[in-house]
Amino acid sequence: MQACYVLFVTVLMQLPHDILGQGLSMSDILRASDPPLVEIITNAAGLRTLEGPVWVPARRALIFSDLGNRQMLEFRRGNLNAVRVNWGGNGNVLDLGGSVLTANSNAGVGGVTRVSNDGGDPLTILADSFEGRKFNNPNDVAVKSDGSIWFTDPNYGAAVRRNQEQDGQYVYRRGPDGTVTAVVTDGDKPNGIGFSPDESRLYFTDANPSRLRAFDVLGDGDRVSATPAWEAEVGLADGLTVDTEGNVYVAGRDGIHVFNKDGRKYGVIAVPKRTRNVCFGGRRYNQLFITAGNSVYRLPIAKTGHKPSGAEW
């Protein structure tokens, strides 16, 4: 693990909620009595393009990716630590045991990796290829209660496209036995990914057009419907998270877009910078942590984040 290299004041600036609601009432998501959106990490350390936030309850810490500087960071008790460097990680999530899984594009470990809950060793490569060919550029990852790992694999980057070995840009499932299968093959840069609380729906974001897609999970939970149950437009759709009621929170160009389980839109939680990912965290698991540009924001809301059944955290 790398040493702590910078200290941060926990709250750097405060902003109004600036809620842009339509259809359903955003008052169901945000209460007037809740504290406002707060920027908890800014560019004081030269951070560049932050992604993949995940709350680690055992450490009361936020882990996230700094894409521009190729490192994994931990924000804990007002301190920011680089816990992995020369790291191609993007999206992060906890597995059922509380270790950190990462959609990783590092040379030699491209795929899905696992490290300890503080970002340290041991490093385990869980999946690095499909049908003998390397993945494109793994982007984000989700976990189901059966221990399976689902992840997206777009081909972002000119070098990636020049050397692409896969025939397309797929959503994959790694089963508990280590077998990797392609579960969605019609994507165009699949990105953020997650499940409904009952795991009957798979959600992921996609491009061209930029949207949130919802697929029914079928069979023994190892495949999905051929066509989506519904889709919803989101400009520059990126990472996502889900609450215990099945509402979906999607990072987009102008903030966090909130949908109910049927695809109806509550509205948008406006954020000053383009948002890239979002997760639930905090002691009560009722705060949104949002990565946007070179900043991280925190916002308490009226909902609680979903954890997969069987999670030990």
Protein backbone atom coordinates (compact mmCIF):
# COMPACT_ATOMS: atom_id res chain seq x y z
CA MET A 1 0.00 0.00 0.00
CA GLN A 2 1.22 3.50 -0.76
CA ALA A 3 1.66 6.11 1.94
CA CYS A 4 -0.81 8.94 2.51
CA TYR A 5 0.31 11.88 0.39
CA VAL A 6 -2.27 14.60 0.94
CA LEU A 7 -4.79 15.77 3.52
CA PHE A 8 -8.22 17.19 2.67
CA VAL A 9 -10.71 19.25 4.56
CA THR A 10 -13.83 17.07 4.57
CA VAL A 11 -16.19 19.79 3.28
CA LEU A 12 -14.80 22.15 0.67
CA MET A 13 -17.91 23.85 -0.68
CA GLN A 14 -21.66 23.64 -0.49
CA LEU A 15 -24.15 23.89 -3.32
CA PRO A 16 -27.95 23.96 -3.48
CA HIS A 17 -29.80 20.80 -4.47
CA ASP A 18 -30.96 22.36 -7.74
CA ILE A 19 -33.39 19.54 -8.46
CA LEU A 20 -34.84 19.35 -11.94
CA GLY A 21 -37.84 17.08 -11.49
CA GLN A 22 -40.41 15.79 -13.95
CA GLY A 23 -43.13 13.14 -13.72
CA LEU A 24 -42.70 11.58 -10.29
CA SER A 25 -41.96 13.78 -7.29
CA MET A 26 -38.32 14.32 -6.42
CA SER A 27 -39.48 15.03 -2.87
CA ASP A 28 -39.69 11.24 -2.54
CA ILE A 29 -35.94 11.11 -3.15
CA LEU A 30 -34.71 14.26 -1.45
CA ARG A 31 -36.09 15.90 1.67
CA ALA A 32 -35.97 19.64 2.19
CA SER A 33 -34.43 19.01 5.59
CA ASP A 34 -31.48 17.06 4.16
CA PRO A 35 -28.08 18.78 3.96
CA PRO A 36 -27.14 20.14 0.52
CA LEU A 37 -24.79 18.67 -2.04
CA VAL A 38 -21.22 19.03 -0.76
CA GLU A 39 -17.94 18.78 -2.64
CA ILE A 40 -15.72 16.66 -0.38
CA ILE A 41 -12.74 16.22 -2.72
CA THR A 42 -11.54 18.77 -5.23
CA ASN A 43 -8.53 19.11 -7.53
CA ALA A 44 -6.01 20.09 -4.84
CA ALA A 45 -3.93 16.98 -5.59
CA GLY A 46 -4.02 17.14 -9.37
CA LEU A 47 -6.67 14.45 -9.70
CA ARG A 48 -7.93 13.74 -13.24
CA THR A 49 -11.18 12.04 -14.27
CA LEU A 50 -12.52 10.30 -11.17
CA GLU A 51 -14.59 7.14 -11.45
CA GLY A 52 -15.79 3.99 -9.73
CA PRO A 53 -16.72 5.07 -6.17
CA VAL A 54 -17.46 2.27 -3.70
CA TRP A 55 -18.13 2.62 0.03
CA VAL A 56 -16.25 0.19 2.28
CA PRO A 57 -18.24 -0.12 5.55
CA ALA A 58 -15.50 -2.05 7.38
CA ARG A 59 -13.18 0.95 7.01
CA ARG A 60 -15.80 3.71 6.79
CA ALA A 61 -13.98 4.77 3.67
CA LEU A 62 -14.62 5.61 0.04
CA ILE A 63 -12.48 3.93 -2.61
CA PHE A 64 -12.49 5.29 -6.17
CA SER A 65 -10.43 5.40 -9.36
CA ASP A 66 -8.34 8.29 -10.69
CA LEU A 67 -8.27 7.43 -14.39
CA GLY A 68 -6.00 10.27 -15.45
CA ASN A 69 -3.27 9.35 -12.98
CA ARG A 70 -3.88 5.58 -13.14
CA GLN A 71 -4.33 5.02 -9.43
CA MET A 72 -6.82 3.73 -6.87
CA LEU A 73 -7.53 6.15 -4.03
CA GLU A 74 -9.05 5.78 -0.57
CA PHE A 75 -10.70 8.71 1.22
CA ARG A 76 -10.90 8.01 4.94
CA ARG A 77 -11.26 10.34 7.92
CA GLY A 78 -10.40 13.35 5.79
CA ASN A 79 -7.24 11.76 4.38
CA LEU A 80 -6.68 10.79 0.76
CA ASN A 81 -4.34 7.85 0.14
CA ALA A 82 -3.07 6.32 -3.08
CA VAL A 83 -3.55 2.63 -2.34
CA ARG A 84 -2.63 1.33 -5.82
CA VAL A 85 -0.54 3.09 -8.49
CA ASN A 86 0.12 2.22 -12.16
CA TRP A 87 -3.42 0.93 -12.01
CA GLY A 88 -5.88 0.72 -14.90
CA GLY A 89 -8.97 0.35 -12.74
CA ASN A 90 -12.29 1.98 -13.61
CA GLY A 91 -15.50 0.78 -11.91
CA ASN A 92 -15.30 -0.79 -8.45
CA VAL A 93 -17.71 -2.80 -6.30
CA LEU A 94 -17.53 -4.98 -3.19
CA ASP A 95 -17.90 -8.73 -3.54
CA LEU A 96 -20.04 -10.63 -1.03
CA GLY A 97 -17.12 -10.93 1.37
CA GLY A 98 -16.22 -7.25 1.26
CA SER A 99 -13.15 -7.33 -1.02
CA VAL A 100 -12.89 -4.77 -3.82
CA LEU A 101 -13.59 -5.95 -7.37
CA THR A 102 -12.40 -3.74 -10.21
CA ALA A 103 -13.11 -3.55 -13.94
CA ASN A 104 -9.49 -3.25 -14.94
CA SER A 105 -7.74 -2.40 -18.21
CA ASN A 106 -4.16 -2.78 -16.95
CA ALA A 107 -1.75 -4.59 -19.26
CA GLY A 108 -1.34 -8.08 -17.85
CA VAL A 109 -4.40 -7.91 -15.61
CA GLY A 110 -7.05 -6.62 -18.01
CA GLY A 111 -10.42 -7.93 -16.91
CA VAL A 112 -11.85 -8.24 -13.41
CA THR A 113 -9.51 -8.14 -10.44
CA ARG A 114 -9.89 -8.49 -6.67
CA VAL A 115 -7.92 -6.77 -3.92
CA SER A 116 -8.46 -6.39 -0.18
CA ASN A 117 -10.93 -3.88 1.24
CA ASP A 118 -8.18 -1.29 1.69
CA GLY A 119 -6.98 -1.69 -1.88
CA GLY A 120 -3.95 -3.74 -0.87
CA ASP A 121 -2.69 -7.17 -1.83
CA PRO A 122 -3.29 -9.94 -2.54
CA LEU A 123 -4.22 -9.11 -6.13
CA THR A 124 -6.26 -11.82 -7.84
CA ILE A 125 -7.17 -11.85 -11.53
CA LEU A 126 -10.68 -13.32 -11.74
CA ALA A 127 -11.27 -13.00 -15.50
CA ASP A 128 -8.96 -11.76 -18.25
CA SER A 129 -10.33 -13.24 -21.48
CA PHE A 130 -13.32 -14.70 -23.27
CA GLU A 131 -12.97 -17.65 -25.64
CA GLY A 132 -9.21 -17.23 -25.60
CA ARG A 133 -9.26 -13.55 -26.58
CA LYS A 134 -8.45 -10.57 -24.38
CA PHE A 135 -11.22 -8.24 -23.26
CA ASN A 136 -11.48 -4.78 -24.83
CA ASN A 137 -11.47 -2.27 -21.97
CA PRO A 138 -13.51 -3.48 -18.95
CA ASN A 139 -15.48 -0.56 -17.57
CA ASP A 140 -17.76 -1.42 -14.65
CA VAL A 141 -18.75 -4.39 -12.51
CA ALA A 142 -21.66 -5.68 -10.38
CA VAL A 143 -22.18 -8.66 -8.06
CA LYS A 144 -25.21 -10.92 -7.58
CA SER A 145 -26.19 -12.84 -4.47
CA ASP A 146 -25.12 -16.14 -6.07
CA GLY A 147 -21.55 -14.83 -6.21
CA SER A 148 -21.55 -14.29 -9.96
CA ILE A 149 -19.79 -11.20 -11.30
CA TRP A 150 -21.21 -9.22 -14.21
CA PHE A 151 -19.20 -6.59 -16.07
CA THR A 152 -19.20 -4.38 -19.16
CA ASP A 153 -16.51 -4.32 -21.83
CA PRO A 154 -16.67 -1.35 -24.24
CA ASN A 155 -13.85 -0.49 -26.67
CA TYR A 156 -13.08 3.06 -25.52
CA GLY A 157 -9.73 4.32 -26.77
CA ALA A 158 -8.16 4.37 -30.22
CA ALA A 159 -5.42 1.93 -29.19
CA VAL A 160 -8.02 -0.46 -27.81
CA ARG A 161 -9.97 -0.39 -31.08
CA ARG A 162 -6.84 -0.93 -33.17
CA ASN A 163 -5.91 -4.03 -31.16
CA GLN A 164 -9.39 -5.29 -30.39
CA GLU A 165 -9.63 -9.08 -30.18
CA GLN A 166 -13.31 -9.45 -29.28
CA ASP A 167 -15.96 -9.38 -32.01
CA GLY A 168 -18.10 -6.87 -30.14
CA GLN A 169 -18.68 -4.90 -26.96
CA TYR A 170 -20.42 -7.24 -24.58
CA VAL A 171 -21.81 -7.56 -21.09
CA TYR A 172 -20.25 -10.61 -19.45
CA ARG A 173 -21.03 -12.89 -16.54
CA ARG A 174 -18.37 -14.73 -14.57
CA GLY A 175 -20.02 -17.60 -12.75
CA PRO A 176 -18.97 -18.80 -9.29
CA ASP A 177 -17.06 -21.60 -11.01
CA GLY A 178 -15.05 -19.08 -13.04
CA THR A 179 -16.80 -19.68 -16.37
CA VAL A 180 -17.24 -16.49 -18.43
CA THR A 181 -20.23 -16.07 -20.76
CA ALA A 182 -21.45 -13.17 -22.89
CA VAL A 183 -24.96 -12.28 -21.71
CA VAL A 184 -25.68 -9.19 -23.85
CA THR A 185 -24.04 -8.89 -27.27
CA ASP A 186 -25.87 -6.00 -28.97
CA GLY A 187 -24.29 -3.21 -26.92
CA ASP A 188 -22.45 -0.18 -28.25
CA LYS A 189 -20.07 0.77 -25.44
CA PRO A 190 -21.88 -0.76 -22.44
CA ASN A 191 -20.88 1.08 -19.30
CA GLY A 192 -22.40 1.27 -15.80
CA ILE A 193 -24.09 -1.89 -14.50
CA GLY A 194 -26.26 -3.09 -11.62
CA PHE A 195 -29.27 -5.18 -10.56
CA SER A 196 -32.70 -4.59 -9.10
CA PRO A 197 -32.98 -5.58 -5.40
CA ASP A 198 -34.73 -8.87 -6.27
CA GLU A 199 -32.22 -9.45 -9.08
CA SER A 200 -34.99 -9.92 -11.63
CA ARG A 201 -33.64 -7.02 -13.72
CA LEU A 202 -30.21 -6.24 -15.08
CA TYR A 203 -29.50 -2.56 -15.68
CA PHE A 204 -26.69 -1.12 -17.74
CA THR A 205 -25.99 2.07 -19.62
CA ASP A 206 -25.11 2.13 -23.31
CA ALA A 207 -24.25 4.55 -26.11
CA ASN A 208 -25.65 5.43 -29.56
CA PRO A 209 -28.16 6.43 -28.35
CA SER A 210 -26.97 7.13 -24.83
CA ARG A 211 -29.44 5.38 -22.55
CA LEU A 212 -30.24 3.21 -19.55
CA ARG A 213 -31.34 -0.32 -20.51
CA ALA A 214 -33.29 -2.80 -18.36
CA PHE A 215 -33.28 -6.53 -19.17
CA ASP A 216 -35.20 -9.33 -17.47
CA VAL A 217 -32.98 -11.94 -15.79
CA LEU A 218 -34.02 -15.43 -16.88
CA GLY A 219 -33.43 -19.11 -16.15
CA ASP A 220 -31.28 -19.78 -13.13
CA GLY A 221 -30.24 -16.14 -13.08
CA ASP A 222 -27.44 -16.71 -15.58
CA ARG A 223 -28.93 -15.12 -18.71
CA VAL A 224 -31.17 -12.24 -19.73
CA SER A 225 -33.99 -11.54 -22.17
CA ALA A 226 -33.12 -11.02 -25.83
CA THR A 227 -34.72 -7.57 -25.83
CA PRO A 228 -34.89 -4.94 -23.09
CA ALA A 229 -37.92 -4.60 -20.83
CA TRP A 230 -37.51 -0.84 -21.14
CA GLU A 231 -34.99 1.83 -22.05
CA ALA A 232 -34.65 5.46 -20.97
CA GLU A 233 -32.62 8.26 -22.54
CA VAL A 234 -29.78 9.76 -20.47
CA GLY A 235 -27.25 12.14 -21.99
CA LEU A 236 -23.71 10.77 -21.59
CA ALA A 237 -25.02 7.90 -19.45
CA ASP A 238 -22.29 6.39 -17.28
CA GLY A 239 -22.20 4.60 -13.90
CA LEU A 240 -25.27 3.69 -11.86
CA THR A 241 -26.51 2.50 -8.49
CA VAL A 242 -29.83 1.19 -7.09
CA ASP A 243 -31.72 1.72 -3.83
CA THR A 244 -33.70 -0.81 -1.79
CA GLU A 245 -36.96 0.20 -3.50
CA GLY A 246 -35.56 -0.47 -6.96
CA ASN A 247 -35.02 3.14 -8.03
CA VAL A 248 -32.06 3.56 -10.37
CA TYR A 249 -29.59 6.46 -10.16
CA VAL A 250 -27.62 7.10 -13.36
CA ALA A 251 -24.66 9.45 -13.79
CA GLY A 252 -25.07 11.69 -16.82
CA ARG A 253 -24.00 14.93 -18.45
CA ASP A 254 -25.95 17.25 -16.14
CA GLY A 255 -26.21 15.23 -12.93
CA ILE A 256 -27.74 12.09 -11.48
CA HIS A 257 -30.86 10.92 -13.35
CA VAL A 258 -33.32 9.05 -11.14
CA PHE A 259 -35.79 6.44 -12.45
CA ASN A 260 -38.23 4.14 -10.75
CA LYS A 261 -38.15 0.39 -11.36
CA ASP A 262 -40.49 0.72 -14.36
CA GLY A 263 -38.38 3.33 -16.13
CA ARG A 264 -40.46 6.38 -15.15
CA LYS A 265 -38.29 9.37 -14.39
CA TYR A 266 -38.29 11.25 -11.10
CA GLY A 267 -35.93 13.92 -12.37
CA VAL A 268 -32.28 14.97 -12.17
CA ILE A 269 -30.07 15.86 -9.23
CA ALA A 270 -28.00 18.61 -10.83
CA VAL A 271 -24.24 18.57 -10.24
CA PRO A 272 -21.86 21.38 -11.36
CA LYS A 273 -19.61 19.02 -13.33
CA ARG A 274 -20.30 16.11 -15.65
CA THR A 275 -20.94 13.08 -13.45
CA ARG A 276 -19.29 9.74 -14.20
CA ASN A 277 -20.38 7.40 -11.43
CA VAL A 278 -22.35 7.18 -8.21
CA CYS A 279 -22.68 4.85 -5.22
CA PHE A 280 -24.42 4.66 -1.86
CA GLY A 281 -22.45 4.86 1.35
CA GLY A 282 -22.17 6.34 4.82
CA ARG A 283 -23.05 4.74 8.15
CA ARG A 284 -26.74 4.48 7.27
CA TYR A 285 -26.02 3.75 3.60
CA ASN A 286 -28.24 6.70 2.64
CA GLN A 287 -25.68 9.06 1.11
CA LEU A 288 -24.83 9.35 -2.55
CA PHE A 289 -21.13 9.67 -3.39
CA ILE A 290 -20.73 11.11 -6.88
CA THR A 291 -17.56 11.28 -8.98
CA ALA A 292 -17.63 14.22 -11.37
CA GLY A 293 -14.63 15.54 -13.27
CA ASN A 294 -11.85 15.90 -10.71
CA SER A 295 -14.23 16.13 -7.75
CA VAL A 296 -16.21 13.88 -5.43
CA TYR A 297 -19.56 15.06 -4.06
CA ARG A 298 -21.69 13.75 -1.20
CA LEU A 299 -25.46 14.09 -0.84
CA PRO A 300 -27.72 12.57 1.85
CA ILE A 301 -31.06 11.39 0.44
CA ALA A 302 -34.31 9.84 1.67
CA LYS A 303 -33.51 6.35 0.31
CA THR A 304 -31.17 3.54 1.34
CA GLY A 305 -28.77 1.82 -1.02
CA HIS A 306 -29.28 -1.80 -1.98
CA LYS A 307 -26.80 -4.49 -0.91
CA PRO A 308 -26.87 -7.97 -2.48
CA SER A 309 -28.34 -10.72 -0.34
CA GLY A 310 -25.58 -12.56 1.52
CA ALA A 311 -23.22 -9.59 1.61
CA GLU A 312 -21.05 -9.74 4.74
CA TRP A 313 -20.63 -5.97 4.94
